[in-house]
PDB file of N, CA and C in Angstrom:
ATOM      1  N   MET A   1      29.609  56.618 266.762  1.00  0.00           N
ATOM      2  CA  MET A   1      29.485  57.942 266.179  1.00  0.00           C
ATOM      3  C   MET A   1      28.401  57.936 265.102  1.00  0.00           C
ATOM      4  N   ARG A   2      28.380  56.876 264.318  1.00  0.00           N
ATOM      5  CA  ARG A   2      27.405  56.818 263.245  1.00  0.00           C
ATOM      6  C   ARG A   2      25.984  56.768 263.806  1.00  0.00           C
ATOM      7  N   LYS A   3      25.812  56.050 264.924  1.00  0.00           N
ATOM      8  CA  LYS A   3      24.498  55.980 265.564  1.00  0.00           C
ATOM      9  C   LYS A   3      24.046  57.366 265.994  1.00  0.00           C
ATOM     10  N   ASN A   4      24.972  58.151 266.532  1.00  0.00           N
ATOM     11  CA  ASN A   4      24.631  59.501 266.986  1.00  0.00           C
ATOM     12  C   ASN A   4      24.168  60.375 265.833  1.00  0.00           C
ATOM     13  N   ILE A   5      24.842  60.264 264.705  1.00  0.00           N
ATOM     14  CA  ILE A   5      24.465  61.060 263.536  1.00  0.00           C
ATOM     15  C   ILE A   5      23.077  60.664 263.056  1.00  0.00           C
ATOM     16  N   ILE A   6      22.808  59.370 263.040  1.00  0.00           N
ATOM     17  CA  ILE A   6      21.491  58.900 262.609  1.00  0.00           C
ATOM     18  C   ILE A   6      20.418  59.384 263.575  1.00  0.00           C
ATOM     19  N   ILE A   7      20.686  59.326 264.863  1.00  0.00           N
ATOM     20  CA  ILE A   7      19.713  59.777 265.861  1.00  0.00           C
ATOM     21  C   ILE A   7      19.440  61.271 265.698  1.00  0.00           C
ATOM     22  N   VAL A   8      20.487  62.058 265.509  1.00  0.00           N
ATOM     23  CA  VAL A   8      20.315  63.506 265.323  1.00  0.00           C
ATOM     24  C   VAL A   8      19.513  63.788 264.049  1.00  0.00           C
ATOM     25  N   ALA A   9      19.788  63.044 262.985  1.00  0.00           N
ATOM     26  CA  ALA A   9      19.054  63.235 261.732  1.00  0.00           C
ATOM     27  C   ALA A   9      17.575  62.904 261.915  1.00  0.00           C
ATOM     28  N   ILE A  10      17.274  61.829 262.623  1.00  0.00           N
ATOM     29  CA  ILE A  10      15.883  61.450 262.859  1.00  0.00           C
ATOM     30  C   ILE A  10      15.172  62.519 263.677  1.00  0.00           C
ATOM     31  N   ILE A  11      15.845  63.035 264.691  1.00  0.00           N
ATOM     32  CA  ILE A  11      15.248  64.079 265.524  1.00  0.00           C
ATOM     33  C   ILE A  11      15.005  65.346 264.703  1.00  0.00           C
ATOM     34  N   ALA A  12      15.959  65.693 263.847  1.00  0.00           N
ATOM     35  CA  ALA A  12      15.803  66.890 263.010  1.00  0.00           C
ATOM     36  C   ALA A  12      14.625  66.741 262.048  1.00  0.00           C
ATOM     37  N   ILE A  13      14.495  65.572 261.451  1.00  0.00           N
ATOM     38  CA  ILE A  13      13.388  65.334 260.516  1.00  0.00           C
ATOM     39  C   ILE A  13      12.053  65.390 261.261  1.00  0.00           C
ATOM     40  N   ALA A  14      12.013  64.772 262.436  1.00  0.00           N
ATOM     41  CA  ALA A  14      10.780  64.795 263.230  1.00  0.00           C
ATOM     42  C   ALA A  14      10.414  66.228 263.622  1.00  0.00           C
ATOM     43  N   ALA A  15      11.406  67.006 264.036  1.00  0.00           N
ATOM     44  CA  ALA A  15      11.152  68.393 264.416  1.00  0.00           C
ATOM     45  C   ALA A  15      10.647  69.200 263.221  1.00  0.00           C
ATOM     46  N   TYR A  16      11.204  68.946 262.051  1.00  0.00           N
ATOM     47  CA  TYR A  16      10.777  69.635 260.838  1.00  0.00           C
ATOM     48  C   TYR A  16       9.318  69.304 260.528  1.00  0.00           C
ATOM     49  N   ILE A  17       8.973  68.016 260.628  1.00  0.00           N
ATOM     50  CA  ILE A  17       7.604  67.598 260.327  1.00  0.00           C
ATOM     51  C   ILE A  17       6.629  68.201 261.331  1.00  0.00           C
ATOM     52  N   VAL A  18       6.975  68.141 262.608  1.00  0.00           N
ATOM     53  CA  VAL A  18       6.100  68.718 263.635  1.00  0.00           C
ATOM     54  C   VAL A  18       5.960  70.225 263.415  1.00  0.00           C
ATOM     55  N   GLY A  19       7.034  70.890 263.107  1.00  0.00           N
ATOM     56  CA  GLY A  19       6.979  72.328 262.859  1.00  0.00           C
ATOM     57  C   GLY A  19       6.132  72.674 261.649  1.00  0.00           C
ATOM     58  N   ALA A  20       6.250  71.875 260.598  1.00  0.00           N
ATOM     59  CA  ALA A  20       5.454  72.121 259.398  1.00  0.00           C
ATOM     60  C   ALA A  20       3.975  71.914 259.689  1.00  0.00           C
ATOM     61  N   GLU A  21       3.647  70.870 260.443  1.00  0.00           N
ATOM     62  CA  GLU A  21       2.256  70.619 260.787  1.00  0.00           C
ATOM     63  C   GLU A  21       1.697  71.726 261.688  1.00  0.00           C
ATOM     64  N   THR A  22       2.508  72.191 262.608  1.00  0.00           N
ATOM     65  CA  THR A  22       2.079  73.258 263.501  1.00  0.00           C
ATOM     66  C   THR A  22       1.816  74.544 262.705  1.00  0.00           C
ATOM     67  N   ALA A  23       2.686  74.834 261.764  1.00  0.00           N
ATOM     68  CA  ALA A  23       2.511  76.036 260.943  1.00  0.00           C
ATOM     69  C   ALA A  23       1.244  75.926 260.099  1.00  0.00           C
ATOM     70  N   LYS A  24       0.976  74.735 259.583  1.00  0.00           N
ATOM     71  CA  LYS A  24      -0.244  74.549 258.793  1.00  0.00           C
ATOM     72  C   LYS A  24      -1.480  74.733 259.671  1.00  0.00           C
ATOM     73  N   ALA A  25      -1.400  74.227 260.901  1.00  0.00           N
ATOM     74  CA  ALA A  25      -2.544  74.333 261.804  1.00  0.00           C
ATOM     75  C   ALA A  25      -2.830  75.793 262.164  1.00  0.00           C
ATOM     76  N   ARG A  26      -1.805  76.614 262.218  1.00  0.00           N
ATOM     77  CA  ARG A  26      -1.995  78.024 262.548  1.00  0.00           C
ATOM     78  C   ARG A  26      -2.398  78.839 261.332  1.00  0.00           C
ATOM     79  N   GLY A  27      -2.456  78.185 260.170  1.00  0.00           N
ATOM     80  CA  GLY A  27      -2.881  78.884 258.966  1.00  0.00           C
ATOM     81  C   GLY A  27      -1.734  79.444 258.156  1.00  0.00           C
ATOM     82  N   LYS A  28      -0.504  79.263 258.648  1.00  0.00           N
ATOM     83  CA  LYS A  28       0.635  79.748 257.874  1.00  0.00           C
ATOM     84  C   LYS A  28       0.923  78.767 256.744  1.00  0.00           C
ATOM     85  N   ASP A  29       1.553  79.273 255.744  1.00  0.00           N
ATOM     86  CA  ASP A  29       1.862  78.452 254.588  1.00  0.00           C
ATOM     87  C   ASP A  29       3.113  77.614 254.839  1.00  0.00           C
ATOM     88  N   TYR A  30       3.124  76.427 254.320  1.00  0.00           N
ATOM     89  CA  TYR A  30       4.265  75.510 254.427  1.00  0.00           C
ATOM     90  C   TYR A  30       5.516  76.146 253.842  1.00  0.00           C
ATOM     91  N   GLU A  31       5.354  76.995 252.861  1.00  0.00           N
ATOM     92  CA  GLU A  31       6.489  77.615 252.190  1.00  0.00           C
ATOM     93  C   GLU A  31       7.322  78.467 253.138  1.00  0.00           C
ATOM     94  N   ASP A  32       6.734  79.001 254.185  1.00  0.00           N
ATOM     95  CA  ASP A  32       7.487  79.810 255.139  1.00  0.00           C
ATOM     96  C   ASP A  32       8.664  79.022 255.713  1.00  0.00           C
ATOM     97  N   ILE A  33       8.406  77.807 256.138  1.00  0.00           N
ATOM     98  CA  ILE A  33       9.454  76.980 256.720  1.00  0.00           C
ATOM     99  C   ILE A  33      10.496  76.619 255.665  1.00  0.00           C
ATOM    100  N   ARG A  34      10.022  76.295 254.456  1.00  0.00           N
ATOM    101  CA  ARG A  34      10.955  75.937 253.387  1.00  0.00           C
ATOM    102  C   ARG A  34      11.881  77.109 253.071  1.00  0.00           C
ATOM    103  N   HIS A  35      11.344  78.318 253.031  1.00  0.00           N
ATOM    104  CA  HIS A  35      12.170  79.484 252.744  1.00  0.00           C
ATOM    105  C   HIS A  35      13.160  79.770 253.869  1.00  0.00           C
ATOM    106  N   GLN A  36      12.744  79.531 255.088  1.00  0.00           N
ATOM    107  CA  GLN A  36      13.673  79.709 256.201  1.00  0.00           C
ATOM    108  C   GLN A  36      14.844  78.747 256.084  1.00  0.00           C
ATOM    109  N   LEU A  37      14.557  77.499 255.750  1.00  0.00           N
ATOM    110  CA  LEU A  37      15.629  76.514 255.574  1.00  0.00           C
ATOM    111  C   LEU A  37      16.532  76.888 254.404  1.00  0.00           C
ATOM    112  N   GLU A  38      15.932  77.378 253.345  1.00  0.00           N
ATOM    113  CA  GLU A  38      16.710  77.786 252.172  1.00  0.00           C
ATOM    114  C   GLU A  38      17.634  78.954 252.515  1.00  0.00           C
ATOM    115  N   ARG A  39      17.129  79.933 253.265  1.00  0.00           N
ATOM    116  CA  ARG A  39      17.968  81.063 253.674  1.00  0.00           C
ATOM    117  C   ARG A  39      19.112  80.585 254.570  1.00  0.00           C
ATOM    118  N   LEU A  40      18.811  79.668 255.458  1.00  0.00           N
ATOM    119  CA  LEU A  40      19.840  79.130 256.333  1.00  0.00           C
ATOM    120  C   LEU A  40      20.912  78.418 255.508  1.00  0.00           C
ATOM    121  N   TRP A  41      20.494  77.646 254.512  1.00  0.00           N
ATOM    122  CA  TRP A  41      21.446  76.886 253.706  1.00  0.00           C
ATOM    123  C   TRP A  41      22.310  77.806 252.849  1.00  0.00           C
ATOM    124  N   THR A  42      21.737  78.895 252.344  1.00  0.00           N
ATOM    125  CA  THR A  42      22.477  79.782 251.449  1.00  0.00           C
ATOM    126  C   THR A  42      23.181  80.916 252.181  1.00  0.00           C
ATOM    127  N   ASN A  43      23.059  80.975 253.480  1.00  0.00           N
ATOM    128  CA  ASN A  43      23.717  81.995 254.289  1.00  0.00           C
ATOM    129  C   ASN A  43      25.240  81.883 254.107  1.00  0.00           C
ATOM    130  N   PRO A  44      25.927  82.982 253.779  1.00  0.00           N
ATOM    131  CA  PRO A  44      27.379  82.921 253.547  1.00  0.00           C
ATOM    132  C   PRO A  44      28.162  82.390 254.756  1.00  0.00           C
ATOM    133  N   ASP A  45      27.752  82.760 255.957  1.00  0.00           N
ATOM    134  CA  ASP A  45      28.444  82.260 257.150  1.00  0.00           C
ATOM    135  C   ASP A  45      28.284  80.754 257.292  1.00  0.00           C
ATOM    136  N   ALA A  46      27.077  80.266 257.005  1.00  0.00           N
ATOM    137  CA  ALA A  46      26.834  78.828 257.091  1.00  0.00           C
ATOM    138  C   ALA A  46      27.645  78.093 256.024  1.00  0.00           C
ATOM    139  N   ARG A  47      27.734  78.671 254.840  1.00  0.00           N
ATOM    140  CA  ARG A  47      28.537  78.044 253.771  1.00  0.00           C
ATOM    141  C   ARG A  47      30.001  77.942 254.184  1.00  0.00           C
ATOM    142  N   LYS A  48      30.525  79.020 254.750  1.00  0.00           N
ATOM    143  CA  LYS A  48      31.925  79.017 255.184  1.00  0.00           C
ATOM    144  C   LYS A  48      32.141  77.965 256.259  1.00  0.00           C
ATOM    145  N   SER A  49      31.208  77.878 257.175  1.00  0.00           N
ATOM    146  CA  SER A  49      31.307  76.905 258.255  1.00  0.00           C
ATOM    147  C   SER A  49      31.299  75.479 257.700  1.00  0.00           C
ATOM    148  N   ARG A  50      30.411  75.204 256.752  1.00  0.00           N
ATOM    149  CA  ARG A  50      30.366  73.862 256.145  1.00  0.00           C
ATOM    150  C   ARG A  50      31.654  73.568 255.383  1.00  0.00           C
ATOM    151  N   ALA A  51      32.197  74.566 254.701  1.00  0.00           N
ATOM    152  CA  ALA A  51      33.444  74.368 253.960  1.00  0.00           C
ATOM    153  C   ALA A  51      34.597  74.067 254.920  1.00  0.00           C
ATOM    154  N   ARG A  52      34.658  74.806 256.042  1.00  0.00           N
ATOM    155  CA  ARG A  52      35.705  74.547 257.038  1.00  0.00           C
ATOM    156  C   ARG A  52      35.579  73.140 257.609  1.00  0.00           C
ATOM    157  N   MET A  53      34.358  72.743 257.895  1.00  0.00           N
ATOM    158  CA  MET A  53      34.142  71.426 258.469  1.00  0.00           C
ATOM    159  C   MET A  53      34.533  70.333 257.468  1.00  0.00           C
ATOM    160  N   ALA A  54      34.212  70.528 256.202  1.00  0.00           N
ATOM    161  CA  ALA A  54      34.573  69.554 255.173  1.00  0.00           C
ATOM    162  C   ALA A  54      36.092  69.457 255.038  1.00  0.00           C
ATOM    163  N   LYS A  55      36.765  70.596 255.094  1.00  0.00           N
ATOM    164  CA  LYS A  55      38.223  70.612 254.985  1.00  0.00           C
ATOM    165  C   LYS A  55      38.861  69.871 256.158  1.00  0.00           C
ATOM    166  N   LYS A  56      38.365  70.128 257.370  1.00  0.00           N
ATOM    167  CA  LYS A  56      38.893  69.437 258.557  1.00  0.00           C
ATOM    168  C   LYS A  56      38.647  67.938 258.468  1.00  0.00           C
ATOM    169  N   THR A  57      37.475  67.567 257.964  1.00  0.00           N
ATOM    170  CA  THR A  57      37.141  66.150 257.828  1.00  0.00           C
ATOM    171  C   THR A  57      38.072  65.477 256.829  1.00  0.00           C
ATOM    172  N   ARG A  58      38.315  66.143 255.701  1.00  0.00           N
ATOM    173  CA  ARG A  58      39.232  65.580 254.698  1.00  0.00           C
ATOM    174  C   ARG A  58      40.623  65.383 255.290  1.00  0.00           C
ATOM    175  N   ARG A  59      41.098  66.377 256.038  1.00  0.00           N
ATOM    176  CA  ARG A  59      42.416  66.272 256.662  1.00  0.00           C
ATOM    177  C   ARG A  59      42.460  65.110 257.651  1.00  0.00           C
ATOM    178  N   SER A  60      41.407  64.961 258.435  1.00  0.00           N
ATOM    179  CA  SER A  60      41.364  63.868 259.410  1.00  0.00           C
ATOM    180  C   SER A  60      41.391  62.516 258.719  1.00  0.00           C
ATOM    181  N   ILE A  61      40.674  62.405 257.623  1.00  0.00           N
ATOM    182  CA  ILE A  61      40.655  61.146 256.876  1.00  0.00           C
ATOM    183  C   ILE A  61      42.039  60.860 256.306  1.00  0.00           C
ATOM    184  N   GLN A  62      42.674  61.877 255.751  1.00  0.00           N
ATOM    185  CA  GLN A  62      44.016  61.680 255.192  1.00  0.00           C
ATOM    186  C   GLN A  62      45.012  61.295 256.273  1.00  0.00           C
ATOM    187  N   ASP A  63      44.934  61.934 257.430  1.00  0.00           N
ATOM    188  CA  ASP A  63      45.826  61.587 258.536  1.00  0.00           C
ATOM    189  C   ASP A  63      45.597  60.152 258.995  1.00  0.00           C
ATOM    190  N   ALA A  64      44.353  59.758 259.076  1.00  0.00           N
ATOM    191  CA  ALA A  64      44.039  58.391 259.495  1.00  0.00           C
ATOM    192  C   ALA A  64      44.562  57.387 258.472  1.00  0.00           C
ATOM    193  N   GLN A  65      44.446  57.709 257.191  1.00  0.00           N
ATOM    194  CA  GLN A  65      44.956  56.820 256.147  1.00  0.00           C
ATOM    195  C   GLN A  65      46.474  56.694 256.234  1.00  0.00           C
ATOM    196  N   ARG A  66      47.156  57.815 256.481  1.00  0.00           N
ATOM    197  CA  ARG A  66      48.618  57.771 256.605  1.00  0.00           C
ATOM    198  C   ARG A  66      49.038  56.913 257.797  1.00  0.00           C
ATOM    199  N   LYS A  67      48.363  57.110 258.924  1.00  0.00           N
ATOM    200  CA  LYS A  67      48.681  56.328 260.113  1.00  0.00           C
ATOM    201  C   LYS A  67      48.429  54.843 259.881  1.00  0.00           C
ATOM    202  N   LEU A  68      47.376  54.535 259.175  1.00  0.00           N
ATOM    203  CA  LEU A  68      47.062  53.141 258.876  1.00  0.00           C
ATOM    204  C   LEU A  68      48.114  52.528 257.967  1.00  0.00           C
ATOM    205  N   GLN A  69      48.567  53.287 256.967  1.00  0.00           N
ATOM    206  CA  GLN A  69      49.601  52.799 256.069  1.00  0.00           C
ATOM    207  C   GLN A  69      50.904  52.554 256.816  1.00  0.00           C
ATOM    208  N   LYS A  70      51.242  53.447 257.758  1.00  0.00           N
ATOM    209  CA  LYS A  70      52.462  53.272 258.546  1.00  0.00           C
ATOM    210  C   LYS A  70      52.349  52.041 259.433  1.00  0.00           C
ATOM    211  N   ALA A  71      51.162  51.806 259.965  1.00  0.00           N
ATOM    212  CA  ALA A  71      50.960  50.656 260.851  1.00  0.00           C
ATOM    213  C   ALA A  71      51.043  49.347 260.071  1.00  0.00           C
ATOM    214  N   VAL A  72      50.611  49.357 258.824  1.00  0.00           N
ATOM    215  CA  VAL A  72      50.633  48.158 258.011  1.00  0.00           C
ATOM    216  C   VAL A  72      52.050  47.802 257.596  1.00  0.00           C
ATOM    217  N   ARG A  73      52.904  48.783 257.403  1.00  0.00           N
ATOM    218  CA  ARG A  73      54.284  48.539 256.949  1.00  0.00           C
ATOM    219  C   ARG A  73      55.081  47.926 257.996  1.00  0.00           C
TER     220      ARG A  73
END
């Protein structure tokens, strides 16, 4: 799972760099892409989605810890 996350992160970074270079080549300002990312990050729906995902992750970790403690006993 960790390998998959790293691969996705590398692909995302590469896509960002290629997109930024393409925008510069077309004469657009680099700031356009940065502002798009900022709007995406501050979007209320995206925030709610990230909060839900964090909550589910915390619950999964707690459940795994409980199961591990029961297995150790």
